Every structure is written in structure tokens, then in C-alpha cells.
């Protein structure tokens, strides 16, 4: 009969392993179940200047979709809630412990700039375009707009009201239809899609319409990639000229995973799950014109998880690669949390520029800078290629 997937996702991985073995499931099905279990632990909610010069082509507008890797203010600020931590100190512009000015809170899940800011600089813009929720109706900045929302995925999340990728694209479509975003602006536009793993969490809507037995599990990762492809196609039909799509970073190397090993080693199963997602994504997108996959998996790995003596040149700049700069002082807490009396309930490093990860799941400003520096050359080459009609 039908078996609840959520019951497996909610359990600990060790229990899941034992259960799967007892059921004598096919190896492929077991792998996919374990992918979902490991992703459940790696919950992802989604400002220095890079040296890159602007593209020789006039890509003057940028439209950003996805989750907290690129959300710069769309998630609401609700006092005392974990999902609003990006609106509290030390998020914002905490550059080091001796920084005299109070950080400027921008709704970013980092200590300063993040991925979309660095890409914007490559386009010749100052920073990522303004957040949709912070923009007045019937207006769109000349630099574009950010629709991404922390915690979003391609499917609905049952425990929180977060717009899916499709919902974000529909909002964009309405603005195009209403003339708020002009045809001229679209002809000079680049879109970025950042989907970072929320669809593999236990509170995602994975039960609806996908599973009647374990044999259906191997379709789910493909469904996630297909939904990304469909939204890429929608953006291109609406007139966006170039589309950038993140693949999944090595989720097993996030501090949420490495904490169980005292921040010394990555969870290989988590990384394997990300690689399966990336395989589907590559198969679906690699032959599509005007689309470029940003290989976060390789860029992250070359900095934080490589063989001794290997890795990128940027790797040596980080003393903490698997450890967060900002960490809760107790299990179940979060960076930025305070008690009712205002007491700080987290520990904070003095030098975020030497740490790759800012909190349990998001890179620091310095981490993002190193990642985007590694991805800069192929990205710029893609932007400089002529548009294929």
C-alpha cells in the first residue's frame, strides 16, 4: 500500500538506513530515499567588490528568482522569528569585530553581499536589483528586480507561505504584461535562478501527486529539474535574453552537516544527493540556447572540500572552511537569536573574511566572493556570446 514518505524524512538517517535494509528495496530506490533524508537536514531558507569589468554586451538589467542564496529583502521582518534572522544583527554588514558602525540590515542571508550582488557587479551594476516586496507598485528599477524569497523551492512548502519559483515567475509575467517591465528592458536582461535544496526538505509538498509507492521515488529529483526547466522556458518566452541557473552546492559540506563531526568532514551522502540533482539539471539544460549553468558544486568543493595540497588558489585564504562564523549557543537555536531580556544566544567569530560559511547554510561575503571569482570567466564568456535567436 501507500507508504508515507514524510515518516522516513522525519526520522534520523541511521533509523532510515536500518529500515531501508529491512525492506530489501532495490539499490536505486534506497539511494533516492537517502537523498531525501539527507536533504532534510540541510535546510536552506534563501555587501568588497569583485575585480570583474562589465560585460562588453549591454546587459543592463537583471531579474533574480529562487531562494535565500539570492533573497535581498523579500522575506518579511517578523520580530522574534527564525525566518526573520536576516533582518537582525549580525546579518547585514558585519565585516569584523572591530567594525565601528552598526551593520546595515538589508534582508540578506549573509554578513554583507551575496551571490546576486557579485553577478550584478559583473554586469556593471552596483549591487543586486531591489527586492520586489520593497518596491513601490508600478515601478521597476532600471537595474531590474529580485523576486527570490528565502526558503523557496519549485514546489510548495506546507509549513510556510513562500512563493514557489513558478509563483515568482508569474509575478514577473504580470509586471511584463502590465508594462511595468518594458520590452526594451527585457532585451537587455539577464535572469538568475537559484534553487538550493528546499524541495528536498520534509516540509516540502513532496507527497502531493508524486508517490503511490517507493517505485515512484526516482521520478522526484527529475520533477524538480523539470520544473526548473519549465520556468527557464517561461522567462525566455517572456523576452529575457540570457538565463543563469545554479546547480546544487555540496550540501553535505554545510555546517549543518559537518557539526556532527566537529566541523572536520563533509557528509558524502549529502553531496551525492546534490550530484544526482545536478546530473538531471545538466541533461535538461545543456542543449538549450542562451542558458548557462553556474557550477556552484565544483566552485564550493574546490575551496572547502578537496584533497590535501589541492583545491583552488582561493582555498588557502580561509581558515574556517566547514565551520560557521555565526553559530547558536545551544542546539536548535540560530544565528542572531536573543533571549527575551536581549541576551545574545549565539557565538560570533571576529574575522568573517577568513570563514567560508556565515551560518549553518549560507556563505559569508568572502565565501561568495571566492565562489564567484572561480565562476567569473565562463560566466563572462557566456554573457559576451551573441544572443541566439
Protein backbone atom coordinates (compact mmCIF):
# COMPACT_ATOMS: atom_id res chain seq x y z
CA UNK A 1 0.00 0.00 0.00
CA UNK A 2 0.94 3.63 0.03
CA UNK A 3 3.79 4.41 2.42
CA UNK A 4 4.26 7.90 3.89
CA UNK A 5 7.50 9.46 2.64
CA UNK A 6 7.37 12.11 5.35
CA UNK A 7 7.70 9.46 8.05
CA UNK A 8 11.08 8.50 6.61
CA UNK A 9 12.21 12.07 6.11
CA UNK A 10 11.37 12.99 9.71
CA UNK A 11 13.45 10.14 11.13
CA UNK A 12 17.16 10.08 11.72
CA UNK A 13 19.32 8.81 8.91
CA UNK A 14 20.55 5.84 10.93
CA UNK A 15 17.00 4.70 11.52
CA UNK A 16 16.24 5.17 7.85
CA UNK A 17 19.22 3.07 6.84
CA UNK A 18 18.08 0.21 9.03
CA UNK A 19 14.52 0.47 7.78
CA UNK A 20 15.50 0.51 4.14
CA UNK A 21 17.70 -2.53 4.60
CA UNK A 22 14.89 -4.47 6.29
CA UNK A 23 12.53 -3.71 3.39
CA UNK A 24 15.01 -5.14 0.88
CA UNK A 25 14.38 -2.29 -1.53
CA UNK A 26 16.19 -2.02 -4.87
CA UNK A 27 19.52 -0.16 -4.55
CA UNK A 28 18.39 2.73 -6.77
CA UNK A 29 15.32 3.32 -4.63
CA UNK A 30 17.38 3.18 -1.44
CA UNK A 31 19.75 5.82 -2.85
CA UNK A 32 16.90 8.15 -3.66
CA UNK A 33 15.34 7.70 -0.23
CA UNK A 34 18.64 8.53 1.40
CA UNK A 35 18.97 11.62 -0.79
CA UNK A 36 15.68 12.91 0.57
CA UNK A 37 16.66 12.10 4.15
CA UNK A 38 19.99 13.89 3.90
CA UNK A 39 18.47 16.93 2.21
CA UNK A 40 16.04 17.26 5.10
CA UNK A 41 18.96 18.04 7.38
CA UNK A 42 20.44 20.62 5.03
CA UNK A 43 17.65 23.18 5.30
CA UNK A 44 18.24 26.24 3.14
CA UNK A 45 15.88 29.14 3.73
CA UNK A 46 17.26 31.98 0.72
CA UNK A 47 27.97 43.60 0.63
CA UNK A 48 34.25 44.25 -1.34
CA UNK A 49 33.76 44.49 -4.93
CA UNK A 50 34.91 41.86 -7.47
CA UNK A 51 37.56 42.85 -9.94
CA UNK A 52 35.44 41.93 -12.96
CA UNK A 53 34.65 44.53 -15.55
CA UNK A 54 31.17 44.79 -17.04
CA UNK A 55 30.29 42.59 -19.98
CA UNK A 56 31.04 44.09 -23.40
CA UNK A 57 27.39 43.49 -24.23
CA UNK A 58 24.82 45.80 -22.69
CA UNK A 59 23.18 43.52 -20.16
CA UNK A 60 21.86 46.42 -18.11
CA UNK A 61 19.02 44.67 -16.25
CA UNK A 62 18.94 41.62 -14.01
CA UNK A 63 15.96 39.64 -12.72
CA UNK A 64 16.57 37.29 -9.80
CA UNK A 65 14.46 34.26 -8.82
CA UNK A 66 14.82 31.49 -6.25
CA UNK A 67 15.65 31.28 -2.58
CA UNK A 68 17.80 32.70 0.21
CA UNK A 69 21.08 32.45 -1.70
CA UNK A 70 19.82 35.50 -3.61
CA UNK A 71 16.99 36.99 -1.49
CA UNK A 72 17.81 40.61 -0.62
CA UNK A 73 14.72 41.57 1.33
CA UNK A 74 11.60 39.77 0.12
CA UNK A 75 11.08 37.71 3.27
CA UNK A 76 9.13 39.83 5.79
CA UNK A 77 10.68 41.03 9.02
CA UNK A 78 8.68 39.40 11.82
CA UNK A 79 10.20 40.11 15.22
CA UNK A 80 11.48 37.08 17.07
CA UNK A 81 11.05 34.54 14.28
CA UNK A 82 13.89 32.41 12.92
CA UNK A 83 12.83 33.13 9.34
CA UNK A 84 13.46 36.83 10.02
CA UNK A 85 17.00 36.42 11.32
CA UNK A 86 18.35 38.08 8.17
CA UNK A 87 16.84 41.34 9.44
CA UNK A 88 18.75 41.17 12.74
CA UNK A 89 22.32 41.79 13.87
CA UNK A 90 24.84 40.42 12.96
CA UNK A 91 23.37 39.92 9.47
CA UNK A 92 23.81 42.90 7.19
CA UNK A 93 27.30 44.39 7.06
CA UNK A 94 29.20 42.73 9.88
CA UNK A 95 32.69 42.74 8.40
CA UNK A 96 34.77 42.16 11.53
CA UNK A 97 34.64 42.52 15.31
CA UNK A 98 36.30 45.97 15.16
CA UNK A 99 33.84 47.45 12.68
CA UNK A 100 32.74 50.62 14.43
CA UNK A 101 29.48 51.31 12.59
CA UNK A 102 26.34 49.28 13.25
CA UNK A 103 25.63 46.86 10.37
CA UNK A 104 23.10 47.98 7.80
CA UNK A 105 20.31 45.39 7.70
CA UNK A 106 19.28 44.51 4.14
CA UNK A 107 17.42 41.22 4.45
CA UNK A 108 20.35 39.26 3.01
CA UNK A 109 21.23 35.84 4.40
CA UNK A 110 24.90 36.77 4.78
CA UNK A 111 27.15 39.20 6.61
CA UNK A 112 27.29 41.58 3.63
CA UNK A 113 26.99 40.84 -0.11
CA UNK A 114 25.87 37.56 -1.66
CA UNK A 115 25.85 35.75 -5.00
CA UNK A 116 23.50 38.03 -6.93
CA UNK A 117 25.43 41.12 -5.82
CA UNK A 118 28.65 39.79 -7.32
CA UNK A 119 26.93 38.82 -10.57
CA UNK A 120 25.38 42.29 -10.72
CA UNK A 121 28.87 43.81 -10.48
CA UNK A 122 29.93 41.72 -13.44
CA UNK A 123 27.09 43.30 -15.39
CA UNK A 124 28.32 46.75 -14.41
CA UNK A 125 25.62 47.30 -11.77
CA UNK A 126 26.29 48.45 -8.21
CA UNK A 127 24.52 45.57 -6.46
CA UNK A 128 21.67 43.10 -6.93
CA UNK A 129 18.45 44.78 -8.11
CA UNK A 130 15.88 45.84 -5.48
CA UNK A 131 13.58 43.32 -3.81
CA UNK A 132 10.06 43.13 -5.25
CA UNK A 133 8.41 43.37 -1.82
CA UNK A 134 10.33 46.56 -1.03
CA UNK A 135 9.45 48.22 -4.34
CA UNK A 136 6.54 50.58 -4.90
CA UNK A 137 3.77 49.33 -7.17
CA UNK A 138 4.02 50.13 -10.86
CA UNK A 139 7.75 50.68 -10.79
CA UNK A 140 10.81 48.68 -11.72
CA UNK A 141 14.35 49.86 -11.18
CA UNK A 142 16.45 50.25 -14.29
CA UNK A 143 18.77 47.57 -12.86
CA UNK A 144 15.91 45.06 -12.67
CA UNK A 145 14.19 43.35 -9.75
CA UNK A 146 14.70 40.50 -7.27
CA UNK A 147 11.77 38.11 -6.75
CA UNK A 148 13.66 35.43 -4.77
CA UNK A 149 12.37 34.54 -1.32
CA UNK A 150 14.22 32.72 1.46
CA UNK A 151 13.02 29.16 1.88
CA UNK A 152 11.51 28.89 -1.60
CA UNK A 153 11.68 25.92 -3.94
CA UNK A 154 9.95 24.82 -7.12
CA UNK A 155 7.15 23.17 -5.13
CA UNK A 156 5.09 24.47 -2.23
CA UNK A 157 6.36 24.36 1.33
CA UNK A 158 3.48 23.36 3.58
CA UNK A 159 4.78 24.93 6.78
CA UNK A 160 5.41 28.43 5.46
CA UNK A 161 3.94 30.81 2.94
CA UNK A 162 6.76 31.17 0.49
CA UNK A 163 6.21 31.86 -3.22
CA UNK A 164 7.39 28.99 -5.39
CA UNK A 165 9.69 29.59 -8.35
CA UNK A 166 6.64 29.45 -10.65
CA UNK A 167 4.79 31.99 -8.49
CA UNK A 168 7.78 34.33 -8.67
CA UNK A 169 7.88 33.97 -12.45
CA UNK A 170 4.13 34.64 -12.62
CA UNK A 171 4.62 37.89 -10.69
CA UNK A 172 7.33 38.81 -13.18
CA UNK A 173 4.97 37.91 -16.05
CA UNK A 174 2.27 40.20 -14.66
CA UNK A 175 4.70 43.11 -14.47
CA UNK A 176 5.71 42.48 -18.08
CA UNK A 177 2.06 42.27 -19.19
CA UNK A 178 1.22 45.50 -17.34
CA UNK A 179 4.16 47.30 -18.93
CA UNK A 180 5.94 47.90 -15.63
CA UNK A 181 8.85 45.94 -17.13
CA UNK A 182 9.31 47.18 -20.69
CA UNK A 183 10.20 45.23 -23.81
CA UNK A 184 13.32 47.38 -24.14
CA UNK A 185 14.44 46.40 -20.62
CA UNK A 186 13.86 42.71 -21.37
CA UNK A 187 16.05 42.95 -24.49
CA UNK A 188 18.99 43.90 -22.26
CA UNK A 189 18.25 41.49 -19.42
CA UNK A 190 19.83 38.56 -17.64
CA UNK A 191 17.90 36.28 -15.26
CA UNK A 192 19.37 34.29 -12.37
CA UNK A 193 17.64 31.24 -10.89
CA UNK A 194 18.93 29.96 -7.55
CA UNK A 195 17.26 26.77 -6.28
CA UNK A 196 19.31 25.45 -3.38
CA UNK A 197 17.58 22.35 -1.99
CA UNK A 198 14.35 23.35 -0.26
CA UNK A 199 12.38 20.89 -2.39
CA UNK A 200 14.12 18.03 -0.63
CA UNK A 201 13.02 19.05 2.86
CA UNK A 202 10.44 17.17 4.93
CA UNK A 203 8.06 20.14 4.91
CA UNK A 204 8.03 20.40 1.11
CA UNK A 205 4.94 19.22 -0.72
CA UNK A 206 6.52 16.01 -1.94
CA UNK A 207 3.56 13.75 -1.17
CA UNK A 208 1.14 15.51 -3.48
CA UNK A 209 0.81 13.90 -6.88
CA UNK A 210 4.10 12.05 -6.98
CA UNK A 211 4.03 8.89 -4.91
CA UNK A 212 1.88 5.81 -4.69
CA UNK A 213 4.82 3.51 -3.92
CA UNK A 214 8.57 3.53 -3.47
CA UNK A 215 8.94 2.83 -7.20
CA UNK A 216 7.83 6.42 -7.86
CA UNK A 217 10.62 8.00 -5.81
CA UNK A 218 13.13 8.04 -8.62
CA UNK A 219 10.91 10.49 -10.50
CA UNK A 220 11.05 13.21 -7.86
CA UNK A 221 14.52 14.61 -8.48
CA UNK A 222 13.70 14.64 -12.18
CA UNK A 223 10.46 16.50 -11.44
CA UNK A 224 12.38 19.21 -9.58
CA UNK A 225 14.77 19.65 -12.50
CA UNK A 226 11.88 19.63 -14.98
CA UNK A 227 10.14 22.41 -13.07
CA UNK A 228 13.32 24.50 -13.20
CA UNK A 229 13.49 23.87 -16.97
CA UNK A 230 9.85 24.91 -17.41
CA UNK A 231 10.45 28.20 -15.63
CA UNK A 232 13.59 28.87 -17.67
CA UNK A 233 11.45 28.41 -20.77
CA UNK A 234 8.81 30.79 -19.38
CA UNK A 235 11.38 33.51 -18.80
CA UNK A 236 12.76 33.12 -22.30
CA UNK A 237 9.27 33.26 -23.82
CA UNK A 238 8.65 36.49 -21.94
CA UNK A 239 11.75 38.03 -23.53
CA UNK A 240 14.64 37.52 -21.10
CA UNK A 241 17.77 37.21 -23.23
CA UNK A 242 20.19 35.27 -21.03
CA UNK A 243 19.41 32.88 -18.17
CA UNK A 244 21.80 31.73 -15.44
CA UNK A 245 20.87 28.67 -13.38
CA UNK A 246 22.64 27.49 -10.23
CA UNK A 247 23.30 23.82 -9.79
CA UNK A 248 23.28 22.50 -6.21
CA UNK A 249 26.27 23.19 -3.98
CA UNK A 250 27.78 20.31 -1.92
CA UNK A 251 25.10 20.31 0.76
CA UNK A 252 26.97 17.72 2.80
CA UNK A 253 29.67 20.32 3.48
CA UNK A 254 27.36 22.88 5.10
CA UNK A 255 27.99 23.38 8.83
CA UNK A 256 24.56 21.89 9.48
CA UNK A 257 26.06 18.58 8.30
CA UNK A 258 29.66 18.97 9.41
CA UNK A 259 28.75 19.91 13.00
CA UNK A 260 28.19 16.24 13.89
CA UNK A 261 31.87 15.60 13.05
CA UNK A 262 33.13 18.67 14.89
CA UNK A 263 33.28 20.56 11.58
CA UNK A 264 36.02 18.35 10.19
CA UNK A 265 34.45 16.31 7.36
CA UNK A 266 31.61 16.57 4.87
CA UNK A 267 28.67 14.20 4.65
CA UNK A 268 29.31 12.25 1.45
CA UNK A 269 25.69 11.14 1.18
CA UNK A 270 24.50 14.75 1.15
CA UNK A 271 26.98 15.59 -1.57
CA UNK A 272 25.91 12.56 -3.58
CA UNK A 273 22.32 13.76 -3.42
CA UNK A 274 23.36 17.13 -4.81
CA UNK A 275 25.26 15.44 -7.64
CA UNK A 276 22.16 13.45 -8.67
CA UNK A 277 20.14 16.68 -8.86
CA UNK A 278 22.92 18.29 -10.88
CA UNK A 279 23.03 15.39 -13.33
CA UNK A 280 19.33 15.81 -14.12
CA UNK A 281 19.71 19.58 -14.42
CA UNK A 282 22.63 19.31 -16.83
CA UNK A 283 20.83 16.80 -19.03
CA UNK A 284 17.85 19.11 -19.36
CA UNK A 285 19.59 22.44 -19.81
CA UNK A 286 22.89 21.87 -21.57
CA UNK A 287 21.43 21.91 -25.09
CA UNK A 288 19.26 24.97 -24.51
CA UNK A 289 20.39 28.21 -26.16
CA UNK A 290 21.15 31.30 -24.06
CA UNK A 291 21.23 29.29 -20.80
CA UNK A 292 24.30 28.83 -18.60
CA UNK A 293 24.62 26.57 -15.54
CA UNK A 294 26.63 28.13 -12.73
CA UNK A 295 28.64 25.21 -11.32
CA UNK A 296 28.39 26.01 -7.63
CA UNK A 297 29.12 22.40 -6.77
CA UNK A 298 32.63 22.48 -8.23
CA UNK A 299 33.40 26.03 -7.07
CA UNK A 300 32.39 25.26 -3.47
CA UNK A 301 34.21 21.92 -3.49
CA UNK A 302 37.48 23.36 -4.76
CA UNK A 303 37.51 25.78 -1.83
CA UNK A 304 36.20 23.75 1.10
CA UNK A 305 36.40 20.03 0.35
CA UNK A 306 39.43 18.88 -1.56
CA UNK A 307 42.39 16.56 -1.18
CA UNK A 308 45.41 17.85 0.79
CA UNK A 309 47.50 20.07 -1.44
CA UNK A 310 44.65 20.51 -3.91
CA UNK A 311 41.88 23.00 -4.28
CA UNK A 312 41.70 26.42 -5.81
CA UNK A 313 44.00 29.34 -5.11
CA UNK A 314 41.21 30.89 -3.06
CA UNK A 315 41.09 27.92 -0.70
CA UNK A 316 44.16 28.96 1.28
CA UNK A 317 42.51 32.26 2.20
CA UNK A 318 40.04 30.54 4.52
CA UNK A 319 40.99 29.21 7.93
CA UNK A 320 37.48 28.01 8.59
CA UNK A 321 36.00 26.07 5.67
CA UNK A 322 33.41 23.84 7.29
CA UNK A 323 32.79 25.92 10.42
CA UNK A 324 30.25 28.76 10.62
CA UNK A 325 31.26 32.26 11.69
CA UNK A 326 27.94 32.76 13.49
CA UNK A 327 26.65 29.81 15.49
CA UNK A 328 23.88 29.28 18.02
CA UNK A 329 24.99 28.74 21.59
CA UNK A 330 22.53 25.86 22.01
CA UNK A 331 21.09 23.06 19.88
CA UNK A 332 18.11 24.15 17.86
CA UNK A 333 18.90 27.85 18.01
CA UNK A 334 20.05 30.16 15.24
CA UNK A 335 22.47 32.94 14.42
CA UNK A 336 21.13 36.31 15.59
CA UNK A 337 18.81 34.87 18.24
CA UNK A 338 18.40 36.74 21.53
CA UNK A 339 16.56 35.97 24.75
CA UNK A 340 13.55 38.00 25.91
CA UNK A 341 15.94 40.07 28.01
CA UNK A 342 18.11 40.78 24.97
CA UNK A 343 20.94 38.40 25.84
CA UNK A 344 22.84 37.09 22.82
CA UNK A 345 22.23 33.38 22.26
CA UNK A 346 24.89 32.84 19.63
CA UNK A 347 28.65 32.94 19.19
CA UNK A 348 30.28 35.17 16.60
CA UNK A 349 33.73 34.94 15.01
CA UNK A 350 35.99 38.01 14.85
CA UNK A 351 37.09 37.65 11.21
CA UNK A 352 34.28 36.62 8.82
CA UNK A 353 36.62 37.27 5.88
CA UNK A 354 38.57 34.17 6.93
CA UNK A 355 35.48 31.96 7.17
CA UNK A 356 33.71 30.43 4.19
CA UNK A 357 30.36 29.86 5.89
CA UNK A 358 28.48 32.62 7.66
CA UNK A 359 25.85 30.49 9.42
CA UNK A 360 24.64 26.90 9.19
CA UNK A 361 23.86 27.04 5.48
CA UNK A 362 24.92 30.33 3.86
CA UNK A 363 28.38 31.54 2.75
CA UNK A 364 29.99 34.71 4.05
CA UNK A 365 30.60 37.73 1.86
CA UNK A 366 34.16 36.44 1.42
CA UNK A 367 32.89 32.95 0.61
CA UNK A 368 30.59 34.23 -2.11
CA UNK A 369 33.33 36.46 -3.48
CA UNK A 370 35.67 33.46 -3.81
CA UNK A 371 32.97 31.30 -5.43
CA UNK A 372 32.00 33.93 -7.97
CA UNK A 373 35.64 34.67 -8.76
CA UNK A 374 36.01 31.00 -9.68
CA UNK A 375 32.91 31.14 -11.89
CA UNK A 376 33.64 34.54 -13.38
CA UNK A 377 35.48 33.58 -16.59
CA UNK A 378 32.93 31.08 -18.01
CA UNK A 379 30.12 33.37 -16.90
CA UNK A 380 31.59 36.39 -18.66
CA UNK A 381 32.26 34.32 -21.79
CA UNK A 382 28.62 33.28 -21.80
CA UNK A 383 27.42 36.87 -21.36
CA UNK A 384 29.69 38.04 -24.17
CA UNK A 385 28.36 35.43 -26.60
CA UNK A 386 25.90 36.77 -29.12
CA UNK A 387 22.27 36.14 -28.33
CA UNK A 388 20.95 33.12 -30.23
CA UNK A 389 17.53 33.98 -31.67
